[in-house]
Amino acid sequence: MADLQLRGTFHTGLTVESMDNTLKFLCEGLGYKLLSRAPRDPRNQERVTGVPGADVEVAYVEGAGYQLEILEYKGPADHKTFSPRPCDAGHWHLCLIVNDINAALDVARKHGLQMDGREVITVDQGPNTGNQIFYADIPGGFTIEFTTRVNG
């Protein structure tokens, strides 16, 4: 038996409530390029996910040298929105490096990202000391961290 060798990372898949809203933010707000958008065969989705009634539309976007797979499920009828807080197990975020934290904040606000109780901070310890960061949530989607990079 051959040893497994990791060859790279292809994409990160993100399930969202609204494909249209998410693509508008990613493409218009952040400059991602839409590569494809189409429904998938529900029978194949059931087989790959193990979810009976899995009915999904999938889009691929690319920006800053990385692809995201955006998924919007129409079925099964009992699919749910999962909204853990950053401190809850199962939460994750996508971190994007930007040249201007205030411009990123303006884009996030313009596109209706949620930032309740959050603010821009400057990291004061660890390997990211000096970076400015903030978290924002795509409604019915996922969390994005915007960061500047002082050392990198």
N, C-alpha and C. Protein backbone atom coordinates (compact mmCIF):
# COMPACT_ATOMS: atom_id res chain seq x y z
N MET A 1 0.84 -1.18 0.00
CA MET A 1 0.00 0.00 0.00
C MET A 1 0.89 1.25 0.00
N ALA A 2 0.56 2.22 -0.85
CA ALA A 2 1.33 3.46 -0.95
C ALA A 2 1.01 4.40 0.19
N ASP A 3 2.00 5.18 0.58
CA ASP A 3 1.78 6.19 1.60
C ASP A 3 1.00 7.36 1.01
N LEU A 4 0.10 7.90 1.79
CA LEU A 4 -0.67 9.07 1.38
C LEU A 4 0.23 10.28 1.37
N GLN A 5 0.15 11.09 0.32
CA GLN A 5 0.89 12.33 0.23
C GLN A 5 -0.08 13.47 -0.07
N LEU A 6 -0.12 14.44 0.79
CA LEU A 6 -0.95 15.62 0.57
C LEU A 6 -0.34 16.43 -0.57
N ARG A 7 -1.15 16.74 -1.58
CA ARG A 7 -0.66 17.45 -2.76
C ARG A 7 -1.05 18.92 -2.80
N GLY A 8 -1.98 19.34 -1.96
CA GLY A 8 -2.39 20.74 -1.97
C GLY A 8 -3.77 20.90 -1.37
N THR A 9 -4.26 22.11 -1.40
CA THR A 9 -5.61 22.43 -0.95
C THR A 9 -6.36 22.99 -2.14
N PHE A 10 -7.53 22.43 -2.45
CA PHE A 10 -8.30 22.81 -3.63
C PHE A 10 -9.23 23.98 -3.33
N HIS A 11 -10.10 23.85 -2.33
CA HIS A 11 -11.06 24.90 -2.01
C HIS A 11 -11.57 24.71 -0.59
N THR A 12 -12.29 25.71 -0.13
CA THR A 12 -13.05 25.61 1.12
C THR A 12 -14.51 25.73 0.74
N GLY A 13 -15.33 24.80 1.22
CA GLY A 13 -16.77 24.81 0.93
C GLY A 13 -17.53 25.52 2.03
N LEU A 14 -18.45 26.38 1.65
CA LEU A 14 -19.22 27.19 2.58
C LEU A 14 -20.70 27.07 2.24
N THR A 15 -21.49 26.59 3.17
CA THR A 15 -22.93 26.49 2.97
C THR A 15 -23.59 27.77 3.49
N VAL A 16 -24.44 28.37 2.65
CA VAL A 16 -25.06 29.65 2.97
C VAL A 16 -26.56 29.59 2.75
N GLU A 17 -27.27 30.55 3.34
CA GLU A 17 -28.72 30.66 3.12
C GLU A 17 -29.04 31.28 1.77
N SER A 18 -28.24 32.24 1.35
CA SER A 18 -28.54 32.96 0.11
C SER A 18 -27.30 33.00 -0.79
N MET A 19 -27.35 32.21 -1.85
CA MET A 19 -26.27 32.21 -2.83
C MET A 19 -26.13 33.60 -3.45
N ASP A 20 -27.25 34.21 -3.83
CA ASP A 20 -27.21 35.52 -4.49
C ASP A 20 -26.53 36.56 -3.62
N ASN A 21 -26.92 36.67 -2.34
CA ASN A 21 -26.33 37.67 -1.46
C ASN A 21 -24.85 37.41 -1.22
N THR A 22 -24.49 36.15 -1.03
CA THR A 22 -23.10 35.81 -0.77
C THR A 22 -22.22 36.10 -1.98
N LEU A 23 -22.70 35.73 -3.18
CA LEU A 23 -21.93 36.00 -4.39
C LEU A 23 -21.82 37.49 -4.66
N LYS A 24 -22.87 38.23 -4.37
CA LYS A 24 -22.81 39.68 -4.57
C LYS A 24 -21.70 40.28 -3.70
N PHE A 25 -21.64 39.87 -2.45
CA PHE A 25 -20.60 40.38 -1.55
C PHE A 25 -19.21 39.95 -2.02
N LEU A 26 -19.04 38.66 -2.29
CA LEU A 26 -17.73 38.16 -2.68
C LEU A 26 -17.25 38.76 -4.00
N CYS A 27 -18.14 38.81 -4.99
CA CYS A 27 -17.73 39.27 -6.33
C CYS A 27 -17.70 40.79 -6.45
N GLU A 28 -18.76 41.46 -6.02
CA GLU A 28 -18.80 42.92 -6.14
C GLU A 28 -18.00 43.60 -5.04
N GLY A 29 -18.12 43.09 -3.82
CA GLY A 29 -17.46 43.73 -2.69
C GLY A 29 -15.98 43.42 -2.59
N LEU A 30 -15.61 42.16 -2.85
CA LEU A 30 -14.22 41.75 -2.65
C LEU A 30 -13.47 41.43 -3.93
N GLY A 31 -14.16 41.41 -5.06
CA GLY A 31 -13.49 41.19 -6.33
C GLY A 31 -13.22 39.75 -6.69
N TYR A 32 -13.90 38.80 -6.03
CA TYR A 32 -13.77 37.40 -6.44
C TYR A 32 -14.36 37.24 -7.84
N LYS A 33 -13.86 36.27 -8.58
CA LYS A 33 -14.37 35.98 -9.93
C LYS A 33 -15.24 34.73 -9.86
N LEU A 34 -16.45 34.83 -10.41
CA LEU A 34 -17.34 33.67 -10.47
C LEU A 34 -16.85 32.74 -11.56
N LEU A 35 -16.51 31.50 -11.19
CA LEU A 35 -16.01 30.52 -12.14
C LEU A 35 -17.13 29.65 -12.70
N SER A 36 -18.09 29.27 -11.84
CA SER A 36 -19.23 28.46 -12.28
C SER A 36 -20.32 28.52 -11.24
N ARG A 37 -21.54 28.25 -11.70
CA ARG A 37 -22.70 28.21 -10.80
C ARG A 37 -23.74 27.31 -11.45
N ALA A 38 -24.13 26.24 -10.73
CA ALA A 38 -25.10 25.30 -11.29
C ALA A 38 -25.62 24.37 -10.20
N PRO A 39 -26.84 23.84 -10.39
CA PRO A 39 -27.35 22.82 -9.46
C PRO A 39 -26.59 21.51 -9.65
N ARG A 40 -26.65 20.66 -8.65
CA ARG A 40 -26.04 19.34 -8.72
C ARG A 40 -27.14 18.28 -8.70
N ASP A 41 -26.83 17.12 -9.23
CA ASP A 41 -27.76 15.99 -9.24
C ASP A 41 -28.04 15.56 -7.81
N PRO A 42 -29.29 15.66 -7.35
CA PRO A 42 -29.60 15.30 -5.97
C PRO A 42 -29.20 13.87 -5.60
N ARG A 43 -29.26 12.95 -6.54
CA ARG A 43 -28.86 11.56 -6.22
C ARG A 43 -27.38 11.51 -5.87
N ASN A 44 -26.56 12.21 -6.62
CA ASN A 44 -25.14 12.23 -6.31
C ASN A 44 -24.87 12.95 -4.99
N GLN A 45 -25.59 14.04 -4.73
CA GLN A 45 -25.41 14.76 -3.47
C GLN A 45 -25.79 13.90 -2.28
N GLU A 46 -26.85 13.12 -2.43
CA GLU A 46 -27.22 12.20 -1.36
C GLU A 46 -26.09 11.21 -1.10
N ARG A 47 -25.50 10.70 -2.16
CA ARG A 47 -24.44 9.70 -2.03
C ARG A 47 -23.18 10.28 -1.40
N VAL A 48 -22.80 11.48 -1.79
CA VAL A 48 -21.56 12.05 -1.27
C VAL A 48 -21.73 12.62 0.14
N THR A 49 -22.90 13.17 0.46
CA THR A 49 -23.10 13.79 1.78
C THR A 49 -23.72 12.85 2.80
N GLY A 50 -24.41 11.80 2.31
CA GLY A 50 -25.14 10.93 3.23
C GLY A 50 -26.43 11.55 3.74
N VAL A 51 -26.90 12.62 3.09
CA VAL A 51 -28.12 13.32 3.50
C VAL A 51 -29.22 13.04 2.49
N PRO A 52 -30.25 12.28 2.90
CA PRO A 52 -31.38 12.04 1.99
C PRO A 52 -32.05 13.36 1.61
N GLY A 53 -32.37 13.52 0.33
CA GLY A 53 -33.04 14.74 -0.13
C GLY A 53 -32.11 15.91 -0.34
N ALA A 54 -30.79 15.67 -0.35
CA ALA A 54 -29.83 16.76 -0.54
C ALA A 54 -29.99 17.35 -1.94
N ASP A 55 -30.45 18.58 -1.98
CA ASP A 55 -30.69 19.29 -3.24
C ASP A 55 -29.92 20.61 -3.14
N VAL A 56 -28.89 20.77 -3.97
CA VAL A 56 -27.97 21.89 -3.77
C VAL A 56 -27.59 22.56 -5.08
N GLU A 57 -27.37 23.87 -4.98
CA GLU A 57 -26.76 24.63 -6.06
C GLU A 57 -25.35 24.98 -5.59
N VAL A 58 -24.38 24.89 -6.49
CA VAL A 58 -22.98 25.10 -6.13
C VAL A 58 -22.36 26.15 -7.04
N ALA A 59 -21.62 27.06 -6.44
CA ALA A 59 -20.85 28.04 -7.20
C ALA A 59 -19.40 27.98 -6.75
N TYR A 60 -18.51 28.19 -7.70
CA TYR A 60 -17.09 28.32 -7.40
C TYR A 60 -16.68 29.75 -7.72
N VAL A 61 -15.94 30.35 -6.77
CA VAL A 61 -15.37 31.67 -6.98
C VAL A 61 -13.88 31.60 -6.66
N GLU A 62 -13.14 32.53 -7.25
CA GLU A 62 -11.70 32.56 -6.99
C GLU A 62 -11.27 33.99 -6.74
N GLY A 63 -10.43 34.16 -5.73
CA GLY A 63 -9.87 35.47 -5.42
C GLY A 63 -8.60 35.32 -4.63
N ALA A 64 -7.66 36.17 -4.88
CA ALA A 64 -6.38 36.18 -4.18
C ALA A 64 -5.71 34.80 -4.22
N GLY A 65 -5.89 34.10 -5.34
CA GLY A 65 -5.21 32.82 -5.52
C GLY A 65 -5.84 31.64 -4.82
N TYR A 66 -7.10 31.76 -4.39
CA TYR A 66 -7.75 30.66 -3.67
C TYR A 66 -9.21 30.54 -4.10
N GLN A 67 -9.70 29.30 -4.16
CA GLN A 67 -11.09 29.07 -4.55
C GLN A 67 -11.96 28.79 -3.33
N LEU A 68 -13.17 29.31 -3.41
CA LEU A 68 -14.23 29.00 -2.44
C LEU A 68 -15.35 28.30 -3.19
N GLU A 69 -15.93 27.29 -2.56
CA GLU A 69 -17.10 26.60 -3.09
C GLU A 69 -18.29 27.06 -2.24
N ILE A 70 -19.24 27.73 -2.85
CA ILE A 70 -20.41 28.25 -2.14
C ILE A 70 -21.57 27.31 -2.45
N LEU A 71 -22.23 26.82 -1.39
CA LEU A 71 -23.32 25.87 -1.54
C LEU A 71 -24.59 26.44 -0.91
N GLU A 72 -25.70 26.35 -1.64
CA GLU A 72 -27.01 26.70 -1.09
C GLU A 72 -27.92 25.49 -1.27
N TYR A 73 -28.32 24.90 -0.15
CA TYR A 73 -29.20 23.72 -0.18
C TYR A 73 -30.66 24.14 -0.21
N LYS A 74 -31.39 23.55 -1.14
CA LYS A 74 -32.85 23.74 -1.22
C LYS A 74 -33.55 22.61 -0.46
N GLY A 75 -32.87 21.54 -0.25
CA GLY A 75 -33.42 20.38 0.45
C GLY A 75 -32.30 19.60 1.09
N PRO A 76 -32.63 18.83 2.11
CA PRO A 76 -33.98 18.43 2.48
C PRO A 76 -34.74 19.57 3.16
N ALA A 77 -36.02 19.36 3.31
CA ALA A 77 -36.90 20.40 3.85
C ALA A 77 -36.52 20.81 5.27
N ASP A 78 -35.89 19.91 6.01
CA ASP A 78 -35.57 20.22 7.41
C ASP A 78 -34.15 20.74 7.60
N HIS A 79 -33.49 21.25 6.51
CA HIS A 79 -32.14 21.79 6.71
C HIS A 79 -32.21 23.03 7.59
N LYS A 80 -31.13 23.28 8.33
CA LYS A 80 -31.12 24.31 9.36
C LYS A 80 -29.99 25.31 9.13
N THR A 81 -30.09 26.43 9.83
CA THR A 81 -29.01 27.40 9.86
C THR A 81 -28.23 27.17 11.15
N PHE A 82 -26.94 27.01 11.01
CA PHE A 82 -26.03 26.76 12.12
C PHE A 82 -25.30 28.07 12.40
N SER A 83 -25.49 28.65 13.58
CA SER A 83 -24.89 29.96 13.86
C SER A 83 -24.12 29.96 15.18
N PRO A 84 -23.04 29.19 15.26
CA PRO A 84 -22.27 29.21 16.50
C PRO A 84 -21.52 30.52 16.67
N ARG A 85 -21.28 30.89 17.91
CA ARG A 85 -20.46 32.06 18.22
C ARG A 85 -18.99 31.67 18.05
N PRO A 86 -18.10 32.65 17.95
CA PRO A 86 -16.69 32.31 17.80
C PRO A 86 -16.15 31.42 18.93
N CYS A 87 -16.76 31.45 20.10
CA CYS A 87 -16.28 30.64 21.23
C CYS A 87 -16.88 29.23 21.24
N ASP A 88 -17.83 28.93 20.35
CA ASP A 88 -18.50 27.63 20.34
C ASP A 88 -17.76 26.63 19.45
N ALA A 89 -17.63 25.39 19.95
CA ALA A 89 -17.02 24.33 19.15
C ALA A 89 -17.80 24.19 17.85
N GLY A 90 -17.11 24.05 16.76
CA GLY A 90 -17.74 23.95 15.46
C GLY A 90 -17.71 25.26 14.68
N HIS A 91 -17.42 26.36 15.37
CA HIS A 91 -17.29 27.64 14.68
C HIS A 91 -15.97 27.66 13.93
N TRP A 92 -15.95 28.33 12.82
CA TRP A 92 -14.71 28.55 12.07
C TRP A 92 -14.87 29.87 11.34
N HIS A 93 -13.76 30.38 10.83
CA HIS A 93 -13.83 31.63 10.06
C HIS A 93 -12.82 31.60 8.93
N LEU A 94 -13.08 32.42 7.95
CA LEU A 94 -12.19 32.61 6.80
C LEU A 94 -11.46 33.92 7.03
N CYS A 95 -10.13 33.89 7.00
CA CYS A 95 -9.34 35.09 7.23
C CYS A 95 -8.80 35.61 5.90
N LEU A 96 -9.08 36.87 5.60
CA LEU A 96 -8.63 37.50 4.36
C LEU A 96 -7.68 38.64 4.69
N ILE A 97 -6.55 38.67 4.00
CA ILE A 97 -5.56 39.73 4.19
C ILE A 97 -5.94 40.91 3.29
N VAL A 98 -5.99 42.09 3.89
CA VAL A 98 -6.34 43.31 3.14
C VAL A 98 -5.25 44.37 3.33
N ASN A 99 -5.19 45.31 2.42
CA ASN A 99 -4.20 46.38 2.52
C ASN A 99 -4.69 47.54 3.37
N ASP A 100 -6.02 47.65 3.55
CA ASP A 100 -6.60 48.79 4.25
C ASP A 100 -7.78 48.32 5.09
N ILE A 101 -7.61 48.28 6.38
CA ILE A 101 -8.66 47.75 7.26
C ILE A 101 -9.91 48.62 7.22
N ASN A 102 -9.75 49.94 7.07
CA ASN A 102 -10.93 50.81 7.02
C ASN A 102 -11.71 50.63 5.73
N ALA A 103 -11.02 50.40 4.62
CA ALA A 103 -11.72 50.11 3.36
C ALA A 103 -12.48 48.80 3.47
N ALA A 104 -11.89 47.80 4.12
CA ALA A 104 -12.57 46.52 4.33
C ALA A 104 -13.81 46.70 5.21
N LEU A 105 -13.69 47.52 6.22
CA LEU A 105 -14.83 47.82 7.10
C LEU A 105 -15.95 48.49 6.31
N ASP A 106 -15.62 49.42 5.44
CA ASP A 106 -16.61 50.09 4.60
C ASP A 106 -17.33 49.09 3.69
N VAL A 107 -16.57 48.18 3.06
CA VAL A 107 -17.17 47.17 2.17
C VAL A 107 -18.09 46.26 2.97
N ALA A 108 -17.64 45.82 4.14
CA ALA A 108 -18.46 44.94 4.98
C ALA A 108 -19.78 45.63 5.36
N ARG A 109 -19.72 46.86 5.75
CA ARG A 109 -20.93 47.60 6.12
C ARG A 109 -21.85 47.80 4.91
N LYS A 110 -21.26 48.17 3.76
CA LYS A 110 -22.05 48.40 2.54
C LYS A 110 -22.83 47.15 2.14
N HIS A 111 -22.25 45.98 2.38
CA HIS A 111 -22.88 44.73 1.98
C HIS A 111 -23.66 44.07 3.11
N GLY A 112 -23.89 44.77 4.20
CA GLY A 112 -24.78 44.30 5.25
C GLY A 112 -24.22 43.19 6.13
N LEU A 113 -22.89 43.08 6.21
CA LEU A 113 -22.33 42.08 7.11
C LEU A 113 -22.61 42.49 8.54
N GLN A 114 -22.78 41.51 9.40
CA GLN A 114 -23.14 41.76 10.79
C GLN A 114 -21.88 41.86 11.64
N MET A 115 -21.81 42.94 12.43
CA MET A 115 -20.65 43.16 13.29
C MET A 115 -21.08 43.60 14.68
N ASP A 116 -22.26 43.21 15.12
CA ASP A 116 -22.79 43.64 16.40
C ASP A 116 -21.79 43.36 17.53
N GLY A 117 -21.46 44.40 18.28
CA GLY A 117 -20.58 44.25 19.43
C GLY A 117 -19.13 44.01 19.08
N ARG A 118 -18.77 44.20 17.83
CA ARG A 118 -17.39 43.94 17.40
C ARG A 118 -16.75 45.25 16.94
N GLU A 119 -15.44 45.30 17.02
CA GLU A 119 -14.73 46.48 16.58
C GLU A 119 -13.38 46.09 16.00
N VAL A 120 -12.77 47.02 15.31
CA VAL A 120 -11.42 46.83 14.79
C VAL A 120 -10.45 46.93 15.96
N ILE A 121 -9.52 45.98 16.03
CA ILE A 121 -8.49 46.05 17.07
C ILE A 121 -7.11 45.92 16.41
N THR A 122 -6.11 46.32 17.16
CA THR A 122 -4.72 46.07 16.78
C THR A 122 -4.21 44.98 17.71
N VAL A 123 -3.73 43.89 17.13
CA VAL A 123 -3.23 42.76 17.91
C VAL A 123 -2.01 43.21 18.70
N ASP A 124 -1.99 42.87 20.01
CA ASP A 124 -0.91 43.37 20.86
C ASP A 124 0.01 42.27 21.40
N GLN A 125 -0.16 41.04 20.92
CA GLN A 125 0.73 39.97 21.37
C GLN A 125 0.71 38.81 20.38
N GLY A 126 1.71 37.96 20.47
CA GLY A 126 1.78 36.79 19.61
C GLY A 126 2.36 37.10 18.24
N PRO A 127 2.29 36.12 17.33
CA PRO A 127 2.92 36.28 16.01
C PRO A 127 2.25 37.32 15.11
N ASN A 128 1.03 37.74 15.46
CA ASN A 128 0.30 38.72 14.64
C ASN A 128 0.32 40.12 15.24
N THR A 129 1.24 40.37 16.18
CA THR A 129 1.35 41.68 16.83
C THR A 129 1.46 42.78 15.77
N GLY A 130 0.63 43.80 15.92
CA GLY A 130 0.63 44.94 15.02
C GLY A 130 -0.42 44.87 13.93
N ASN A 131 -0.93 43.68 13.64
CA ASN A 131 -1.99 43.55 12.63
C ASN A 131 -3.27 44.16 13.15
N GLN A 132 -4.02 44.80 12.26
CA GLN A 132 -5.37 45.27 12.59
C GLN A 132 -6.34 44.21 12.09
N ILE A 133 -7.34 43.89 12.90
CA ILE A 133 -8.30 42.84 12.53
C ILE A 133 -9.72 43.22 12.94
N PHE A 134 -10.70 42.62 12.25
CA PHE A 134 -12.08 42.62 12.72
C PHE A 134 -12.80 41.43 12.12
N TYR A 135 -13.83 40.98 12.83
CA TYR A 135 -14.69 39.88 12.40
C TYR A 135 -16.00 40.45 11.91
N ALA A 136 -16.57 39.82 10.87
CA ALA A 136 -17.89 40.19 10.35
C ALA A 136 -18.57 38.92 9.86
N ASP A 137 -19.88 38.86 9.99
CA ASP A 137 -20.65 37.69 9.58
C ASP A 137 -21.46 37.98 8.34
N ILE A 138 -21.38 37.08 7.35
CA ILE A 138 -22.30 37.12 6.22
C ILE A 138 -23.61 36.55 6.75
N PRO A 139 -24.72 37.31 6.72
CA PRO A 139 -25.98 36.81 7.26
C PRO A 139 -26.35 35.45 6.65
N GLY A 140 -26.63 34.47 7.52
CA GLY A 140 -26.98 33.13 7.06
C GLY A 140 -25.83 32.44 6.36
N GLY A 141 -24.61 32.82 6.73
CA GLY A 141 -23.46 32.26 6.05
C GLY A 141 -22.33 31.91 6.99
N PHE A 142 -21.27 32.70 6.96
CA PHE A 142 -20.07 32.37 7.70
C PHE A 142 -19.39 33.64 8.18
N THR A 143 -18.37 33.47 9.02
CA THR A 143 -17.63 34.59 9.58
C THR A 143 -16.37 34.84 8.76
N ILE A 144 -16.10 36.11 8.49
CA ILE A 144 -14.87 36.50 7.83
C ILE A 144 -14.06 37.36 8.80
N GLU A 145 -12.79 37.05 8.91
CA GLU A 145 -11.86 37.92 9.62
C GLU A 145 -11.07 38.69 8.57
N PHE A 146 -11.04 39.98 8.68
CA PHE A 146 -10.22 40.81 7.81
C PHE A 146 -8.98 41.19 8.63
N THR A 147 -7.81 41.10 8.01
CA THR A 147 -6.58 41.44 8.72
C THR A 147 -5.60 42.14 7.81
N THR A 148 -4.86 43.04 8.40
CA THR A 148 -3.68 43.58 7.74
C THR A 148 -2.51 42.69 8.18
N ARG A 149 -1.41 42.78 7.49
CA ARG A 149 -0.23 41.97 7.85
C ARG A 149 0.97 42.90 7.97
N VAL A 150 1.37 43.14 9.20
CA VAL A 150 2.53 43.99 9.45
C VAL A 150 3.82 43.22 9.14
N ASN A 151 3.87 41.97 9.54
CA ASN A 151 5.08 41.14 9.37
C ASN A 151 4.77 39.97 8.44
N GLY A 152 4.61 40.22 7.19
CA GLY A 152 4.35 39.10 6.30
C GLY A 152 3.76 39.51 5.07
